[in-house]
Amino acid sequence: MDYAHARHAGNAGDVFKHVALLAVLDELLRDPAPLEYVETHAGDGLYPLGSNGEWSDGIQRLWTDPGTPYASVALVSRYAQLVRGFSKPVAARPEVYPGSPLIAKALLRPGDRMRLFEIDAQAARVLRRTVPDAEVKQEDGLAQLAAPPRALVLIDPPYTQKQQWIDAARAAARIPGVPLLLWYPIKALTRPRALIHELAKQGVHGTAVELHWTPLRLKRDRLNGSGLIFVSLPRAPVGAVCAALVDLGPALQTHGEWGAVEIGF
């Protein structure tokens, strides 16, 4: 998992993360009070897709007509339609993929705010052009994260180093009571389980939902699944994401089977 997210844009991990982001924002935006969206690793914001890429096993699997009868139609179909709106109406495949900032922007209201962290200088410059009305900080999002008044925080570092797993847990602990969505990759279960243990050790408790699209018993050195940790959030978005698994699992599976896990801690 390298830091250049453009190589992974639109992959199965993005699909799962962004479906969950829609579910969480749906719930939080029921409150008329202004909301601040905060992201620790915002990237470029929008990614042109080449003729080949991980997107072919991700968003391409959902690149269907708007009327496709997904069981969780209110969530998965909305996500697919939202992403489809960034490409030409007749495009046979996605031409670009919107990152989390643009997914969030599509739902946020005029009175809401966005604070985006991106440590890479080039990516930060692109991000400012992509989301010109957002506050973009060229800083380490995990190190600078502090408790905002009313916000949703998305923590999704690249996890290129083992320390980033620990740093993510410690950053979450610094914002007690703030609604938080924390994404993590799954190649094997060692580091994901250590992450949950570290969160609990730091006094952070919530619910983890994982989708495994490649059987872990195959021990493939690749992204075999991903997880999302919901902290200080109502049960409704967790339930919506779990319901969406009946659509996402069959669509994203790579070896004829998929699995999902929900962990409360």
Protein backbone atom coordinates (compact mmCIF):
# COMPACT_ATOMS: atom_id res chain seq x y z
CA MET A 1 0.00 0.00 0.00
CA ASP A 2 1.99 3.02 -1.20
CA TYR A 3 1.06 6.62 -0.46
CA ALA A 4 0.16 7.58 -4.05
CA HIS A 5 -3.57 6.99 -3.77
CA ALA A 6 -4.05 7.63 -7.49
CA ARG A 7 -2.80 4.08 -8.08
CA HIS A 8 -5.60 2.71 -5.92
CA ALA A 9 -8.40 5.19 -6.68
CA GLY A 10 -11.78 3.56 -7.11
CA ASN A 11 -10.66 0.19 -5.81
CA ALA A 12 -12.81 -2.02 -3.59
CA GLY A 13 -11.51 -0.29 -0.46
CA ASP A 14 -12.67 3.08 -1.78
CA VAL A 15 -16.07 1.65 -2.67
CA PHE A 16 -16.62 0.30 0.84
CA LYS A 17 -15.29 3.45 2.52
CA HIS A 18 -17.40 5.82 0.45
CA VAL A 19 -20.62 3.85 0.80
CA ALA A 20 -20.08 4.10 4.57
CA LEU A 21 -19.30 7.81 4.32
CA LEU A 22 -22.66 8.39 2.64
CA ALA A 23 -24.44 6.44 5.38
CA VAL A 24 -22.75 8.40 8.16
CA LEU A 25 -23.36 11.80 6.57
CA ASP A 26 -26.99 10.88 5.91
CA GLU A 27 -27.45 10.42 9.64
CA LEU A 28 -25.45 13.39 10.90
CA LEU A 29 -27.03 15.82 8.45
CA ARG A 30 -30.46 15.14 9.91
CA ASP A 31 -29.43 17.70 12.52
CA PRO A 32 -29.84 21.22 11.09
CA ALA A 33 -26.82 22.52 13.03
CA PRO A 34 -23.74 23.19 10.84
CA LEU A 35 -21.32 20.28 10.47
CA GLU A 36 -17.59 20.38 9.84
CA TYR A 37 -16.13 17.55 7.74
CA VAL A 38 -12.51 16.82 8.68
CA GLU A 39 -10.23 14.42 6.82
CA THR A 40 -6.69 13.48 7.83
CA HIS A 41 -5.36 12.32 4.43
CA ALA A 42 -7.41 14.00 1.73
CA GLY A 43 -5.22 13.32 -1.33
CA ASP A 44 -5.93 15.02 -4.67
CA GLY A 45 -9.70 14.90 -4.29
CA LEU A 46 -10.32 13.72 -7.86
CA TYR A 47 -8.43 11.04 -9.79
CA PRO A 48 -8.31 10.47 -13.57
CA LEU A 49 -8.47 6.75 -14.26
CA GLY A 50 -6.25 5.08 -16.83
CA SER A 51 -7.31 2.21 -19.05
CA ASN A 52 -6.14 -0.27 -16.41
CA GLY A 53 -6.15 -0.04 -12.65
CA GLU A 54 -7.55 -1.31 -9.38
CA TRP A 55 -10.79 0.49 -10.20
CA SER A 56 -11.68 -2.41 -12.50
CA ASP A 57 -12.17 -4.61 -9.42
CA GLY A 58 -13.85 -1.79 -7.53
CA ILE A 59 -16.15 0.90 -8.90
CA GLN A 60 -16.34 -0.81 -12.30
CA ARG A 61 -18.19 -3.69 -10.62
CA LEU A 62 -20.96 -1.22 -9.75
CA TRP A 63 -20.87 0.68 -13.05
CA THR A 64 -24.42 -0.27 -13.94
CA ASP A 65 -27.59 1.48 -15.01
CA PRO A 66 -29.17 3.78 -12.40
CA GLY A 67 -32.15 1.45 -12.13
CA THR A 68 -30.18 -1.58 -10.95
CA PRO A 69 -32.24 -3.14 -8.14
CA TYR A 70 -29.71 -3.32 -5.30
CA ALA A 71 -31.21 -4.63 -2.07
CA SER A 72 -29.82 -1.59 -0.24
CA VAL A 73 -31.02 0.72 -3.02
CA ALA A 74 -31.07 3.80 -0.83
CA LEU A 75 -27.31 3.54 -0.27
CA VAL A 76 -25.37 1.51 -2.85
CA SER A 77 -27.36 2.77 -5.84
CA ARG A 78 -27.03 6.36 -4.64
CA TYR A 79 -23.29 5.91 -4.28
CA ALA A 80 -22.97 4.42 -7.77
CA GLN A 81 -25.06 7.21 -9.27
CA LEU A 82 -23.04 9.88 -7.46
CA VAL A 83 -19.75 8.53 -8.80
CA ARG A 84 -21.23 8.08 -12.25
CA GLY A 85 -22.05 11.78 -12.29
CA PHE A 86 -18.34 12.67 -12.52
CA SER A 87 -17.98 10.91 -15.90
CA LYS A 88 -19.76 11.44 -19.21
CA PRO A 89 -23.38 10.16 -19.16
CA VAL A 90 -22.63 7.55 -21.85
CA ALA A 91 -19.27 6.41 -20.44
CA ALA A 92 -18.89 2.63 -20.48
CA ARG A 93 -16.47 2.85 -17.56
CA PRO A 94 -15.53 5.46 -14.95
CA GLU A 95 -13.30 8.18 -16.40
CA VAL A 96 -12.44 9.77 -13.05
CA TYR A 97 -13.00 8.82 -9.45
CA PRO A 98 -14.01 11.30 -6.71
CA GLY A 99 -12.10 11.00 -3.45
CA SER A 100 -13.66 11.35 -0.02
CA PRO A 101 -13.68 15.19 -0.10
CA LEU A 102 -15.87 15.26 -3.19
CA ILE A 103 -18.08 12.45 -1.91
CA ALA A 104 -18.64 14.50 1.26
CA LYS A 105 -19.08 17.77 -0.65
CA ALA A 106 -21.92 16.22 -2.63
CA LEU A 107 -23.92 15.88 0.59
CA LEU A 108 -22.79 18.82 2.70
CA ARG A 109 -25.03 21.87 2.89
CA PRO A 110 -24.07 25.52 2.23
CA GLY A 111 -23.56 26.22 5.93
CA ASP A 112 -21.29 23.23 6.51
CA ARG A 113 -17.49 23.39 6.38
CA MET A 114 -14.61 21.20 5.23
CA ARG A 115 -11.14 21.03 6.80
CA LEU A 116 -8.80 18.81 4.82
CA PHE A 117 -5.29 17.74 5.77
CA GLU A 118 -2.79 16.62 3.12
CA ILE A 119 0.93 16.47 3.87
CA ASP A 120 2.14 16.07 0.27
CA ALA A 121 2.73 19.50 -1.29
CA GLN A 122 1.71 18.56 -4.83
CA ALA A 123 -1.43 16.78 -3.67
CA ALA A 124 -2.34 19.75 -1.47
CA ARG A 125 -2.08 22.11 -4.46
CA VAL A 126 -4.32 19.87 -6.54
CA LEU A 127 -6.75 19.52 -3.65
CA ARG A 128 -7.12 23.30 -3.33
CA ARG A 129 -8.13 23.45 -6.99
CA THR A 130 -10.45 20.47 -6.68
CA VAL A 131 -12.26 21.73 -3.57
CA PRO A 132 -11.67 25.51 -3.63
CA ASP A 133 -14.14 26.29 -0.84
CA ALA A 134 -12.48 23.90 1.65
CA GLU A 135 -9.82 24.79 4.22
CA VAL A 136 -6.79 22.79 3.07
CA LYS A 137 -3.87 22.37 5.46
CA GLN A 138 -0.57 20.98 4.22
CA GLU A 139 0.14 19.18 7.46
CA ASP A 140 0.19 15.71 9.01
CA GLY A 141 -3.48 15.15 9.72
CA LEU A 142 -2.89 12.57 12.44
CA ALA A 143 -0.47 14.83 14.31
CA GLN A 144 -2.63 17.95 14.02
CA LEU A 145 -6.03 16.43 14.71
CA ALA A 146 -7.89 18.16 17.56
CA ALA A 147 -11.48 18.04 18.75
CA PRO A 148 -13.68 20.30 16.58
CA PRO A 149 -17.06 21.54 17.91
CA ARG A 150 -19.51 19.55 15.75
CA ALA A 151 -17.86 17.45 13.12
CA LEU A 152 -17.35 14.18 11.34
CA VAL A 153 -13.73 13.09 11.22
CA LEU A 154 -12.46 10.62 8.63
CA ILE A 155 -9.13 9.00 9.48
CA ASP A 156 -7.65 7.07 6.56
CA PRO A 157 -3.84 7.13 6.46
CA PRO A 158 -1.96 5.12 3.81
CA TYR A 159 -0.70 2.59 6.40
CA THR A 160 2.64 2.30 4.63
CA GLN A 161 4.37 2.02 8.00
CA LYS A 162 3.44 0.02 11.08
CA GLN A 163 3.61 3.18 13.21
CA GLN A 164 0.70 4.68 11.28
CA TRP A 165 -1.63 2.07 12.76
CA ILE A 166 -0.66 3.19 16.26
CA ASP A 167 -0.78 6.87 15.30
CA ALA A 168 -4.31 6.45 13.94
CA ALA A 169 -5.49 5.00 17.25
CA ARG A 170 -3.81 7.74 19.25
CA ALA A 171 -5.29 10.44 17.03
CA ALA A 172 -8.75 8.97 17.60
CA ALA A 173 -8.18 9.06 21.34
CA ARG A 174 -7.49 12.82 21.20
CA ILE A 175 -11.02 13.62 20.00
CA PRO A 176 -13.29 11.88 22.54
CA GLY A 177 -16.98 12.11 21.74
CA VAL A 178 -16.43 13.37 18.19
CA PRO A 179 -18.15 11.28 15.47
CA LEU A 180 -15.39 9.33 13.76
CA LEU A 181 -15.05 7.00 10.80
CA LEU A 182 -11.70 5.19 10.64
CA TRP A 183 -10.81 3.16 7.54
CA TYR A 184 -8.12 0.47 7.44
CA PRO A 185 -6.83 -2.01 4.84
CA ILE A 186 -6.84 -5.77 5.34
CA LYS A 187 -4.16 -8.04 3.93
CA ALA A 188 -4.19 -10.29 6.98
CA LEU A 189 -5.81 -9.85 10.39
CA THR A 190 -2.74 -9.22 12.56
CA ARG A 191 -2.57 -5.43 12.24
CA PRO A 192 -6.33 -4.81 12.08
CA ARG A 193 -6.83 -6.71 15.33
CA ALA A 194 -3.88 -4.88 16.89
CA LEU A 195 -5.52 -1.59 15.82
CA ILE A 196 -8.76 -2.46 17.59
CA HIS A 197 -6.80 -3.53 20.67
CA GLU A 198 -4.87 -0.24 20.66
CA LEU A 199 -8.06 1.80 20.29
CA ALA A 200 -9.61 0.05 23.28
CA LYS A 201 -6.38 0.52 25.22
CA GLN A 202 -6.58 4.26 24.46
CA GLY A 203 -10.17 4.35 25.74
CA VAL A 204 -11.80 4.50 22.30
CA HIS A 205 -14.77 2.18 21.87
CA GLY A 206 -17.03 1.60 18.90
CA THR A 207 -17.96 -0.87 16.17
CA ALA A 208 -15.76 -2.29 13.43
CA VAL A 209 -17.32 -3.62 10.21
CA GLU A 210 -15.10 -5.53 7.79
CA LEU A 211 -15.64 -6.75 4.24
CA HIS A 212 -13.31 -9.48 2.98
CA TRP A 213 -13.63 -9.82 -0.80
CA THR A 214 -10.71 -12.23 -1.13
CA PRO A 215 -10.54 -15.23 1.26
CA LEU A 216 -7.82 -14.55 3.81
CA ARG A 217 -6.92 -18.24 3.92
CA LEU A 218 -5.32 -17.78 0.48
CA LYS A 219 -2.71 -15.54 2.16
CA ARG A 220 -2.41 -13.28 -0.86
CA ASP A 221 -0.09 -10.30 -0.34
CA ARG A 222 -2.58 -7.73 -1.56
CA LEU A 223 -5.61 -5.79 -0.42
CA ASN A 224 -7.96 -8.62 0.48
CA GLY A 225 -10.51 -6.52 2.29
CA SER A 226 -10.96 -3.40 4.37
CA GLY A 227 -12.57 -2.32 7.58
CA LEU A 228 -14.38 0.68 8.98
CA ILE A 229 -14.54 1.68 12.61
CA PHE A 230 -17.52 3.73 13.76
CA VAL A 231 -16.95 5.75 16.94
CA SER A 232 -19.40 8.09 18.72
CA LEU A 233 -21.97 7.51 15.99
CA PRO A 234 -25.61 6.36 16.12
CA ARG A 235 -26.39 2.76 15.27
CA ALA A 236 -28.30 3.69 12.10
CA PRO A 237 -25.30 4.15 9.74
CA VAL A 238 -23.68 0.96 11.05
CA GLY A 239 -26.88 -0.91 10.26
CA ALA A 240 -27.10 0.68 6.82
CA VAL A 241 -23.52 -0.36 5.99
CA CYS A 242 -24.14 -3.90 7.23
CA ALA A 243 -27.26 -4.07 5.05
CA ALA A 244 -25.22 -2.88 2.06
CA LEU A 245 -22.86 -5.85 2.43
CA VAL A 246 -25.38 -8.09 0.67
CA ASP A 247 -24.77 -5.98 -2.45
CA LEU A 248 -21.10 -5.11 -2.02
CA GLY A 249 -19.89 -8.60 -1.12
CA PRO A 250 -21.15 -10.37 -4.26
CA ALA A 251 -20.13 -7.43 -6.46
CA LEU A 252 -16.56 -7.14 -5.17
CA GLN A 253 -15.66 -10.79 -4.46
CA THR A 254 -12.62 -12.13 -6.33
CA HIS A 255 -12.79 -15.91 -5.75
CA GLY A 256 -16.47 -16.72 -5.71
CA GLU A 257 -16.97 -15.98 -2.03
CA TRP A 258 -16.89 -13.10 0.41
CA GLY A 259 -17.10 -12.59 4.14
CA ALA A 260 -17.98 -9.89 6.61
CA VAL A 261 -17.36 -9.33 10.31
CA GLU A 262 -18.86 -6.94 12.84
CA ILE A 263 -16.87 -6.38 16.03
CA GLY A 264 -18.00 -4.35 19.00
CA PHE A 265 -15.26 -3.16 21.32
